[in-house]
Amino acid sequence: MKSAPFEYHAAATLAEALSLKHDLGGDARVLAGGQSLIPLMHFRLATPAALVDINPVAELDYVRRANGHVVIGARTRQATMLQSEMAASAAPLLVEAVGWVGHAQIRHRGTVAGSVAHADPSAEIPTAVLALGGEMVCRSVAGERVVPAAEFFEGPFTTAVADDEILTEVRVAVWPEGTGAAWMELSRIYHGFPVVGVGALVHLSDGVVDRASVALCGMAATPVLAPAVADVLAGNEPNARVIAEAAEAAVSDLEPPGDIHGSTTYRKKVGRVYVRRALAAAVENAGGFR
């Protein structure tokens, strides 16, 4: 199939893109990488009246460290994240998760912010951003607002970005030295969308956990945090028993949707196993288990 008719607008600057989005409103979609939007348009699952192309907006192409965060512009390709030594050092969980997205061709075109804005509940990048306590910068002609990741994802393919706004930047917190990170996922085909994915962060102090964060995808209508993990791990040496308890706590209140890829019971079982594996890997990466 082919897309329904639409207007195409290429913005040369951010100011022009914001002006176009203001004028066109909810009838327009922003085009960055297009790796999710264009297929949806071809199948007519998305039928925007207009596209605002931000690919010419060079000012949105950056990944840098500022004010305790790694900040990523809306035009930054996923491949750029994988090539950034700074990002690999400061936000290894996000970089590891990006490496699981599709194949090289997709990552060379797809953007980090585009994946966040698309908000697929099975996608790796939104889940890693959530685990990292990320925040999204949404801008309009009236100004900007910062939305925490915990409030950004409202439902499947639905976010807090308003009709006249553009997601211009993604920020993720830099965790302190002594932090281990790990991404684990189960997918039916190599680098396909995960049936279940888990991002884990663990910070050790004197051999005990003083901070932890786990987020999961494929387990709800949005990526979800598992705050009970930190409650179980905090103040404890992260041995196998404690990690197993934390993994059980992570999924105990979840009722994941069942589909052709796995039933509710199956996803919950897999989620428990993958939280345990991700936590164990994160602890090891933090210098534990010596």
C-alpha atoms as a PDB file:
ATOM      1  CA  MET A   1       0.000   0.000   0.000  1.00  0.00           C
ATOM      2  CA  LYS A   2       0.947   3.639  -0.305  1.00  0.00           C
ATOM      3  CA  SER A   3       0.425   6.571   1.997  1.00  0.00           C
ATOM      4  CA  ALA A   4      -2.672   8.729   1.893  1.00  0.00           C
ATOM      5  CA  PRO A   5      -2.037  12.186   0.372  1.00  0.00           C
ATOM      6  CA  PHE A   6      -0.182  14.619   2.652  1.00  0.00           C
ATOM      7  CA  GLU A   7       1.609  17.957   2.564  1.00  0.00           C
ATOM      8  CA  TYR A   8       5.381  17.968   2.982  1.00  0.00           C
ATOM      9  CA  HIS A   9       7.195  20.802   4.755  1.00  0.00           C
ATOM     10  CA  ALA A  10      10.988  20.799   5.200  1.00  0.00           C
ATOM     11  CA  ALA A  11      12.029  23.081   8.046  1.00  0.00           C
ATOM     12  CA  ALA A  12      15.432  24.745   7.757  1.00  0.00           C
ATOM     13  CA  THR A  13      15.576  25.841  11.406  1.00  0.00           C
ATOM     14  CA  LEU A  14      14.016  24.871  14.710  1.00  0.00           C
ATOM     15  CA  ALA A  15      12.094  28.141  14.777  1.00  0.00           C
ATOM     16  CA  GLU A  16      10.587  27.317  11.382  1.00  0.00           C
ATOM     17  CA  ALA A  17       9.705  23.784  12.499  1.00  0.00           C
ATOM     18  CA  LEU A  18       7.963  25.102  15.609  1.00  0.00           C
ATOM     19  CA  SER A  19       6.065  27.675  13.543  1.00  0.00           C
ATOM     20  CA  LEU A  20       4.910  24.990  11.124  1.00  0.00           C
ATOM     21  CA  LYS A  21       3.809  22.715  13.952  1.00  0.00           C
ATOM     22  CA  HIS A  22       1.915  25.593  15.542  1.00  0.00           C
ATOM     23  CA  ASP A  23       0.107  26.395  12.305  1.00  0.00           C
ATOM     24  CA  LEU A  24      -0.618  22.789  11.330  1.00  0.00           C
ATOM     25  CA  GLY A  25      -1.340  21.491  14.856  1.00  0.00           C
ATOM     26  CA  GLY A  26      -2.492  17.940  15.417  1.00  0.00           C
ATOM     27  CA  ASP A  27      -2.894  17.311  11.694  1.00  0.00           C
ATOM     28  CA  ALA A  28       0.891  17.284  11.262  1.00  0.00           C
ATOM     29  CA  ARG A  29       3.510  14.742  12.302  1.00  0.00           C
ATOM     30  CA  VAL A  30       7.217  15.361  12.732  1.00  0.00           C
ATOM     31  CA  LEU A  31       9.533  13.419  10.413  1.00  0.00           C
ATOM     32  CA  ALA A  32      13.011  12.626  11.716  1.00  0.00           C
ATOM     33  CA  GLY A  33      14.267   9.103  10.988  1.00  0.00           C
ATOM     34  CA  GLY A  34      10.906   7.881   9.728  1.00  0.00           C
ATOM     35  CA  GLN A  35      11.676   4.250  10.551  1.00  0.00           C
ATOM     36  CA  SER A  36       8.357   3.836  12.372  1.00  0.00           C
ATOM     37  CA  LEU A  37       6.208   6.608  10.915  1.00  0.00           C
ATOM     38  CA  ILE A  38       6.678   5.875   7.217  1.00  0.00           C
ATOM     39  CA  PRO A  39       5.687   2.175   7.440  1.00  0.00           C
ATOM     40  CA  LEU A  40       2.613   3.176   9.449  1.00  0.00           C
ATOM     41  CA  MET A  41       1.713   5.679   6.739  1.00  0.00           C
ATOM     42  CA  HIS A  42       2.201   3.106   3.980  1.00  0.00           C
ATOM     43  CA  PHE A  43      -0.234   0.768   5.746  1.00  0.00           C
ATOM     44  CA  ARG A  44      -2.506   3.760   6.415  1.00  0.00           C
ATOM     45  CA  LEU A  45      -2.412   3.127  10.123  1.00  0.00           C
ATOM     46  CA  ALA A  46      -1.277   6.742  10.347  1.00  0.00           C
ATOM     47  CA  THR A  47      -2.731   9.333   7.976  1.00  0.00           C
ATOM     48  CA  PRO A  48      -1.285  12.735   8.882  1.00  0.00           C
ATOM     49  CA  ALA A  49      -2.394  15.645   6.736  1.00  0.00           C
ATOM     50  CA  ALA A  50       1.152  17.013   6.769  1.00  0.00           C
ATOM     51  CA  LEU A  51       4.738  16.135   7.640  1.00  0.00           C
ATOM     52  CA  VAL A  52       7.200  18.579   9.177  1.00  0.00           C
ATOM     53  CA  ASP A  53      10.654  17.303   8.218  1.00  0.00           C
ATOM     54  CA  ILE A  54      13.331  18.272  10.763  1.00  0.00           C
ATOM     55  CA  ASN A  55      16.183  16.522   8.984  1.00  0.00           C
ATOM     56  CA  PRO A  56      17.567  19.840   7.647  1.00  0.00           C
ATOM     57  CA  VAL A  57      17.619  21.281  11.218  1.00  0.00           C
ATOM     58  CA  ALA A  58      21.305  20.826  12.060  1.00  0.00           C
ATOM     59  CA  GLU A  59      20.909  22.514  15.465  1.00  0.00           C
ATOM     60  CA  LEU A  60      19.006  19.429  16.678  1.00  0.00           C
ATOM     61  CA  ASP A  61      21.870  17.042  15.882  1.00  0.00           C
ATOM     62  CA  TYR A  62      24.001  16.613  19.026  1.00  0.00           C
ATOM     63  CA  VAL A  63      24.857  14.328  21.911  1.00  0.00           C
ATOM     64  CA  ARG A  64      26.710  15.952  24.777  1.00  0.00           C
ATOM     65  CA  ARG A  65      27.085  15.967  28.533  1.00  0.00           C
ATOM     66  CA  ALA A  66      25.653  18.900  30.502  1.00  0.00           C
ATOM     67  CA  ASN A  67      24.482  19.486  34.076  1.00  0.00           C
ATOM     68  CA  GLY A  68      24.748  15.854  35.111  1.00  0.00           C
ATOM     69  CA  HIS A  69      22.916  14.556  32.063  1.00  0.00           C
ATOM     70  CA  VAL A  70      23.602  13.155  28.638  1.00  0.00           C
ATOM     71  CA  VAL A  71      21.489  15.321  26.330  1.00  0.00           C
ATOM     72  CA  ILE A  72      20.438  14.150  22.878  1.00  0.00           C
ATOM     73  CA  GLY A  73      18.978  16.313  20.141  1.00  0.00           C
ATOM     74  CA  ALA A  74      15.891  15.293  18.212  1.00  0.00           C
ATOM     75  CA  ARG A  75      17.821  14.679  14.966  1.00  0.00           C
ATOM     76  CA  THR A  76      20.556  12.566  16.549  1.00  0.00           C
ATOM     77  CA  ARG A  77      20.766   9.160  14.887  1.00  0.00           C
ATOM     78  CA  GLN A  78      20.884   5.991  16.915  1.00  0.00           C
ATOM     79  CA  ALA A  79      24.139   5.118  15.169  1.00  0.00           C
ATOM     80  CA  THR A  80      25.649   8.348  16.503  1.00  0.00           C
ATOM     81  CA  MET A  81      24.924   7.184  20.048  1.00  0.00           C
ATOM     82  CA  LEU A  82      26.714   3.909  19.356  1.00  0.00           C
ATOM     83  CA  GLN A  83      29.758   5.804  18.082  1.00  0.00           C
ATOM     84  CA  SER A  84      29.934   8.218  21.042  1.00  0.00           C
ATOM     85  CA  GLU A  85      32.608   7.310  23.591  1.00  0.00           C
ATOM     86  CA  MET A  86      31.174   9.911  25.953  1.00  0.00           C
ATOM     87  CA  ALA A  87      27.718   8.352  25.803  1.00  0.00           C
ATOM     88  CA  ALA A  88      29.128   4.846  26.268  1.00  0.00           C
ATOM     89  CA  SER A  89      30.903   6.017  29.410  1.00  0.00           C
ATOM     90  CA  ALA A  90      28.191   8.267  30.863  1.00  0.00           C
ATOM     91  CA  ALA A  91      25.021   6.378  29.835  1.00  0.00           C
ATOM     92  CA  PRO A  92      26.035   2.790  29.050  1.00  0.00           C
ATOM     93  CA  LEU A  93      22.522   1.419  29.594  1.00  0.00           C
ATOM     94  CA  LEU A  94      21.072   3.639  26.877  1.00  0.00           C
ATOM     95  CA  VAL A  95      23.880   2.855  24.453  1.00  0.00           C
ATOM     96  CA  GLU A  96      23.523  -0.871  25.085  1.00  0.00           C
ATOM     97  CA  ALA A  97      19.760  -0.681  24.525  1.00  0.00           C
ATOM     98  CA  VAL A  98      20.249   1.290  21.290  1.00  0.00           C
ATOM     99  CA  GLY A  99      22.491  -1.496  20.024  1.00  0.00           C
ATOM    100  CA  TRP A 100      19.539  -3.890  20.183  1.00  0.00           C
ATOM    101  CA  VAL A 101      17.303  -1.725  17.970  1.00  0.00           C
ATOM    102  CA  GLY A 102      16.642  -3.309  14.592  1.00  0.00           C
ATOM    103  CA  HIS A 103      19.628  -3.588  12.280  1.00  0.00           C
ATOM    104  CA  ALA A 104      22.408  -1.241  11.213  1.00  0.00           C
ATOM    105  CA  GLN A 105      20.365   0.223   8.367  1.00  0.00           C
ATOM    106  CA  ILE A 106      17.600   1.196  10.782  1.00  0.00           C
ATOM    107  CA  ARG A 107      19.983   2.622  13.381  1.00  0.00           C
ATOM    108  CA  HIS A 108      21.772   4.744  10.773  1.00  0.00           C
ATOM    109  CA  ARG A 109      18.497   6.479   9.935  1.00  0.00           C
ATOM    110  CA  GLY A 110      16.403   6.141  13.093  1.00  0.00           C
ATOM    111  CA  THR A 111      16.716   8.721  15.874  1.00  0.00           C
ATOM    112  CA  VAL A 112      16.790   8.324  19.639  1.00  0.00           C
ATOM    113  CA  ALA A 113      14.114  10.968  20.159  1.00  0.00           C
ATOM    114  CA  GLY A 114      11.988   9.500  17.383  1.00  0.00           C
ATOM    115  CA  SER A 115      11.814   6.174  19.184  1.00  0.00           C
ATOM    116  CA  VAL A 116      10.871   7.955  22.405  1.00  0.00           C
ATOM    117  CA  ALA A 117       8.171   9.989  20.640  1.00  0.00           C
ATOM    118  CA  HIS A 118       6.801   6.886  18.886  1.00  0.00           C
ATOM    119  CA  ALA A 119       6.333   5.267  22.324  1.00  0.00           C
ATOM    120  CA  ASP A 120       6.021   1.654  21.276  1.00  0.00           C
ATOM    121  CA  PRO A 121       5.470  -0.242  24.552  1.00  0.00           C
ATOM    122  CA  SER A 122       7.897  -2.950  23.368  1.00  0.00           C
ATOM    123  CA  ALA A 123      10.719  -0.623  22.318  1.00  0.00           C
ATOM    124  CA  GLU A 124      14.140  -0.606  23.925  1.00  0.00           C
ATOM    125  CA  ILE A 125      15.002   3.103  23.917  1.00  0.00           C
ATOM    126  CA  PRO A 126      11.958   4.450  25.817  1.00  0.00           C
ATOM    127  CA  THR A 127      12.489   1.744  28.441  1.00  0.00           C
ATOM    128  CA  ALA A 128      16.160   2.603  28.941  1.00  0.00           C
ATOM    129  CA  VAL A 129      15.299   6.305  29.172  1.00  0.00           C
ATOM    130  CA  LEU A 130      12.710   5.497  31.841  1.00  0.00           C
ATOM    131  CA  ALA A 131      15.175   3.401  33.857  1.00  0.00           C
ATOM    132  CA  LEU A 132      17.663   6.279  33.727  1.00  0.00           C
ATOM    133  CA  GLY A 133      15.162   8.756  35.130  1.00  0.00           C
ATOM    134  CA  GLY A 134      15.098  10.600  31.836  1.00  0.00           C
ATOM    135  CA  GLU A 135      13.259  13.748  30.952  1.00  0.00           C
ATOM    136  CA  MET A 136      11.970  15.086  27.656  1.00  0.00           C
ATOM    137  CA  VAL A 137      12.092  18.672  26.434  1.00  0.00           C
ATOM    138  CA  CYS A 138       8.945  19.630  24.518  1.00  0.00           C
ATOM    139  CA  ARG A 139       9.016  22.956  22.694  1.00  0.00           C
ATOM    140  CA  SER A 140       6.428  25.137  21.009  1.00  0.00           C
ATOM    141  CA  VAL A 141       6.369  28.726  19.799  1.00  0.00           C
ATOM    142  CA  ALA A 142       5.258  29.675  23.324  1.00  0.00           C
ATOM    143  CA  GLY A 143       8.324  28.166  25.012  1.00  0.00           C
ATOM    144  CA  GLU A 144       9.501  24.845  26.391  1.00  0.00           C
ATOM    145  CA  ARG A 145       8.574  22.454  29.165  1.00  0.00           C
ATOM    146  CA  VAL A 146      10.395  19.493  30.641  1.00  0.00           C
ATOM    147  CA  VAL A 147       8.424  16.281  31.146  1.00  0.00           C
ATOM    148  CA  PRO A 148       9.794  13.464  33.341  1.00  0.00           C
ATOM    149  CA  ALA A 149       9.861  10.086  31.628  1.00  0.00           C
ATOM    150  CA  ALA A 150       7.513   8.680  34.286  1.00  0.00           C
ATOM    151  CA  GLU A 151       4.843  11.143  33.072  1.00  0.00           C
ATOM    152  CA  PHE A 152       5.727  11.186  29.383  1.00  0.00           C
ATOM    153  CA  PHE A 153       4.446   7.780  28.238  1.00  0.00           C
ATOM    154  CA  GLU A 154       0.652   7.857  28.493  1.00  0.00           C
ATOM    155  CA  GLY A 155      -0.305   4.726  26.563  1.00  0.00           C
ATOM    156  CA  PRO A 156       0.587   2.678  23.499  1.00  0.00           C
ATOM    157  CA  PHE A 157       2.031   5.117  20.936  1.00  0.00           C
ATOM    158  CA  THR A 158       0.748   8.009  23.057  1.00  0.00           C
ATOM    159  CA  THR A 159       2.852  10.627  24.822  1.00  0.00           C
ATOM    160  CA  ALA A 160       2.533  13.939  26.632  1.00  0.00           C
ATOM    161  CA  VAL A 161       3.700  15.918  23.576  1.00  0.00           C
ATOM    162  CA  ALA A 162       0.973  18.458  22.743  1.00  0.00           C
ATOM    163  CA  ASP A 163      -0.344  19.047  19.223  1.00  0.00           C
ATOM    164  CA  ASP A 164       1.647  22.258  18.817  1.00  0.00           C
ATOM    165  CA  GLU A 165       4.874  20.871  20.345  1.00  0.00           C
ATOM    166  CA  ILE A 166       7.952  19.061  19.102  1.00  0.00           C
ATOM    167  CA  LEU A 167      10.070  16.754  21.225  1.00  0.00           C
ATOM    168  CA  THR A 168      13.396  18.531  20.770  1.00  0.00           C
ATOM    169  CA  GLU A 169      15.660  16.871  23.339  1.00  0.00           C
ATOM    170  CA  VAL A 170      15.993  13.742  25.454  1.00  0.00           C
ATOM    171  CA  ARG A 171      17.999  13.904  28.692  1.00  0.00           C
ATOM    172  CA  VAL A 172      19.152  10.987  30.820  1.00  0.00           C
ATOM    173  CA  ALA A 173      20.864  11.244  34.184  1.00  0.00           C
ATOM    174  CA  VAL A 174      24.507  10.243  34.558  1.00  0.00           C
ATOM    175  CA  TRP A 175      24.776   7.756  37.417  1.00  0.00           C
ATOM    176  CA  PRO A 176      27.846   7.957  39.706  1.00  0.00           C
ATOM    177  CA  GLU A 177      30.996   5.880  39.561  1.00  0.00           C
ATOM    178  CA  GLY A 178      30.383   2.421  40.969  1.00  0.00           C
ATOM    179  CA  THR A 179      27.225   1.930  38.892  1.00  0.00           C
ATOM    180  CA  GLY A 180      26.674  -1.163  36.778  1.00  0.00           C
ATOM    181  CA  ALA A 181      24.206  -1.249  33.900  1.00  0.00           C
ATOM    182  CA  ALA A 182      22.779  -4.064  31.795  1.00  0.00           C
ATOM    183  CA  TRP A 183      20.155  -4.537  29.096  1.00  0.00           C
ATOM    184  CA  MET A 184      18.568  -7.966  28.553  1.00  0.00           C
ATOM    185  CA  GLU A 185      15.806  -8.961  26.176  1.00  0.00           C
ATOM    186  CA  LEU A 186      14.047 -11.952  24.651  1.00  0.00           C
ATOM    187  CA  SER A 187      12.878 -11.617  21.063  1.00  0.00           C
ATOM    188  CA  ARG A 188      11.479 -14.167  18.639  1.00  0.00           C
ATOM    189  CA  ILE A 189      13.901 -13.163  15.880  1.00  0.00           C
ATOM    190  CA  TYR A 190      17.367 -11.608  16.016  1.00  0.00           C
ATOM    191  CA  HIS A 191      17.053  -7.918  16.846  1.00  0.00           C
ATOM    192  CA  GLY A 192      13.279  -8.002  16.512  1.00  0.00           C
ATOM    193  CA  PHE A 193      11.013  -6.223  18.963  1.00  0.00           C
ATOM    194  CA  PRO A 194      11.464  -7.856  22.360  1.00  0.00           C
ATOM    195  CA  VAL A 195       8.759 -10.017  23.862  1.00  0.00           C
ATOM    196  CA  VAL A 196      10.201  -8.783  27.156  1.00  0.00           C
ATOM    197  CA  GLY A 197      13.072  -6.349  27.680  1.00  0.00           C
ATOM    198  CA  VAL A 198      14.736  -5.208  30.907  1.00  0.00           C
ATOM    199  CA  GLY A 199      17.053  -2.314  31.667  1.00  0.00           C
ATOM    200  CA  ALA A 200      18.821  -2.462  35.042  1.00  0.00           C
ATOM    201  CA  LEU A 201      21.068  -0.077  36.972  1.00  0.00           C
ATOM    202  CA  VAL A 202      22.740  -0.901  40.280  1.00  0.00           C
ATOM    203  CA  HIS A 203      25.058   1.308  42.330  1.00  0.00           C
ATOM    204  CA  LEU A 204      27.241  -0.329  44.974  1.00  0.00           C
ATOM    205  CA  SER A 205      28.827   1.306  48.010  1.00  0.00           C
ATOM    206  CA  ASP A 206      31.124  -0.826  50.184  1.00  0.00           C
ATOM    207  CA  GLY A 207      29.677  -3.960  48.607  1.00  0.00           C
ATOM    208  CA  VAL A 208      26.018  -3.184  49.273  1.00  0.00           C
ATOM    209  CA  VAL A 209      23.357  -1.672  47.046  1.00  0.00           C
ATOM    210  CA  ASP A 210      22.490   1.921  47.815  1.00  0.00           C
ATOM    211  CA  ARG A 211      20.636   2.687  44.571  1.00  0.00           C
ATOM    212  CA  ALA A 212      18.945   0.667  41.851  1.00  0.00           C
ATOM    213  CA  SER A 213      16.527   1.118  38.976  1.00  0.00           C
ATOM    214  CA  VAL A 214      14.772  -1.369  36.705  1.00  0.00           C
ATOM    215  CA  ALA A 215      12.399  -0.731  33.808  1.00  0.00           C
ATOM    216  CA  LEU A 216      10.658  -3.255  31.579  1.00  0.00           C
ATOM    217  CA  CYS A 217       9.093  -3.258  28.125  1.00  0.00           C
ATOM    218  CA  GLY A 218       6.579  -5.686  26.687  1.00  0.00           C
ATOM    219  CA  MET A 219       4.929  -6.004  30.092  1.00  0.00           C
ATOM    220  CA  ALA A 220       2.283  -3.260  29.945  1.00  0.00           C
ATOM    221  CA  ALA A 221       0.744  -0.614  27.701  1.00  0.00           C
ATOM    222  CA  THR A 222       3.825   1.554  28.298  1.00  0.00           C
ATOM    223  CA  PRO A 223       7.355   0.885  29.499  1.00  0.00           C
ATOM    224  CA  VAL A 224       7.142   0.465  33.260  1.00  0.00           C
ATOM    225  CA  LEU A 225       9.385   1.072  36.239  1.00  0.00           C
ATOM    226  CA  ALA A 226       9.723  -1.570  38.957  1.00  0.00           C
ATOM    227  CA  PRO A 227      10.295   0.507  42.116  1.00  0.00           C
ATOM    228  CA  ALA A 228       9.980  -2.568  44.337  1.00  0.00           C
ATOM    229  CA  VAL A 229      13.396  -3.695  43.078  1.00  0.00           C
ATOM    230  CA  ALA A 230      15.157  -0.828  44.840  1.00  0.00           C
ATOM    231  CA  ASP A 231      13.162  -1.518  48.013  1.00  0.00           C
ATOM    232  CA  VAL A 232      14.391  -5.126  48.088  1.00  0.00           C
ATOM    233  CA  LEU A 233      18.003  -4.424  47.132  1.00  0.00           C
ATOM    234  CA  ALA A 234      18.684  -1.286  49.174  1.00  0.00           C
ATOM    235  CA  GLY A 235      21.165  -1.867  51.984  1.00  0.00           C
ATOM    236  CA  ASN A 236      21.780  -5.479  51.027  1.00  0.00           C
ATOM    237  CA  GLU A 237      24.688  -7.339  49.542  1.00  0.00           C
ATOM    238  CA  PRO A 238      23.426  -8.278  46.065  1.00  0.00           C
ATOM    239  CA  ASN A 239      23.710 -12.045  46.318  1.00  0.00           C
ATOM    240  CA  ALA A 240      21.683 -14.556  44.305  1.00  0.00           C
ATOM    241  CA  ARG A 241      18.927 -14.833  46.925  1.00  0.00           C
ATOM    242  CA  VAL A 242      18.375 -11.075  47.179  1.00  0.00           C
ATOM    243  CA  ILE A 243      18.442 -10.663  43.397  1.00  0.00           C
ATOM    244  CA  ALA A 244      15.856 -13.437  43.012  1.00  0.00           C
ATOM    245  CA  GLU A 245      13.625 -11.693  45.573  1.00  0.00           C
ATOM    246  CA  ALA A 246      14.001  -8.411  43.703  1.00  0.00           C
ATOM    247  CA  ALA A 247      13.094 -10.079  40.401  1.00  0.00           C
ATOM    248  CA  GLU A 248       9.963 -11.551  41.936  1.00  0.00           C
ATOM    249  CA  ALA A 249       9.006  -8.160  43.361  1.00  0.00           C
ATOM    250  CA  ALA A 250       9.531  -6.514  39.967  1.00  0.00           C
ATOM    251  CA  VAL A 251       6.790  -8.497  38.233  1.00  0.00           C
ATOM    252  CA  SER A 252       4.467  -9.411  41.101  1.00  0.00           C
ATOM    253  CA  ASP A 253       2.008  -6.563  40.424  1.00  0.00           C
ATOM    254  CA  LEU A 254       2.207  -6.675  36.625  1.00  0.00           C
ATOM    255  CA  GLU A 255      -0.426  -8.223  34.357  1.00  0.00           C
ATOM    256  CA  PRO A 256       1.233  -8.095  30.936  1.00  0.00           C
ATOM    257  CA  PRO A 257      -0.960  -8.329  27.843  1.00  0.00           C
ATOM    258  CA  GLY A 258      -1.069 -11.655  26.064  1.00  0.00           C
ATOM    259  CA  ASP A 259      -0.675 -11.939  22.298  1.00  0.00           C
ATOM    260  CA  ILE A 260       0.665 -14.327  19.650  1.00  0.00           C
ATOM    261  CA  HIS A 261       4.180 -13.839  21.008  1.00  0.00           C
ATOM    262  CA  GLY A 262       3.379 -14.893  24.553  1.00  0.00           C
ATOM    263  CA  SER A 263       0.580 -15.230  27.064  1.00  0.00           C
ATOM    264  CA  THR A 264       0.270 -13.166  30.217  1.00  0.00           C
ATOM    265  CA  THR A 265       1.646 -16.054  32.269  1.00  0.00           C
ATOM    266  CA  TYR A 266       4.547 -16.596  29.885  1.00  0.00           C
ATOM    267  CA  ARG A 267       5.548 -12.923  29.788  1.00  0.00           C
ATOM    268  CA  LYS A 268       5.440 -12.715  33.554  1.00  0.00           C
ATOM    269  CA  LYS A 269       7.661 -15.776  33.878  1.00  0.00           C
ATOM    270  CA  VAL A 270      10.104 -14.463  31.280  1.00  0.00           C
ATOM    271  CA  GLY A 271      10.063 -11.027  32.903  1.00  0.00           C
ATOM    272  CA  ARG A 272      11.059 -12.507  36.239  1.00  0.00           C
ATOM    273  CA  VAL A 273      13.939 -14.445  34.680  1.00  0.00           C
ATOM    274  CA  TYR A 274      15.212 -11.487  32.671  1.00  0.00           C
ATOM    275  CA  VAL A 275      15.058  -9.069  35.589  1.00  0.00           C
ATOM    276  CA  ARG A 276      17.163 -11.549  37.563  1.00  0.00           C
ATOM    277  CA  ARG A 277      19.671 -11.875  34.721  1.00  0.00           C
ATOM    278  CA  ALA A 278      19.841  -8.122  34.115  1.00  0.00           C
ATOM    279  CA  LEU A 279      20.361  -7.375  37.810  1.00  0.00           C
ATOM    280  CA  ALA A 280      23.086 -10.005  38.077  1.00  0.00           C
ATOM    281  CA  ALA A 281      24.858  -8.541  35.051  1.00  0.00           C
ATOM    282  CA  ALA A 282      24.504  -4.997  36.383  1.00  0.00           C
ATOM    283  CA  VAL A 283      25.964  -6.037  39.754  1.00  0.00           C
ATOM    284  CA  GLU A 284      28.871  -7.684  37.997  1.00  0.00           C
ATOM    285  CA  ASN A 285      29.450  -4.583  35.878  1.00  0.00           C
ATOM    286  CA  ALA A 286      29.423  -2.494  39.074  1.00  0.00           C
ATOM    287  CA  GLY A 287      32.259  -4.583  40.478  1.00  0.00           C
ATOM    288  CA  GLY A 288      30.262  -6.997  42.570  1.00  0.00           C
ATOM    289  CA  PHE A 289      30.597 -10.798  42.754  1.00  0.00           C
ATOM    290  CA  ARG A 290      34.379 -10.600  43.213  1.00  0.00           C
END
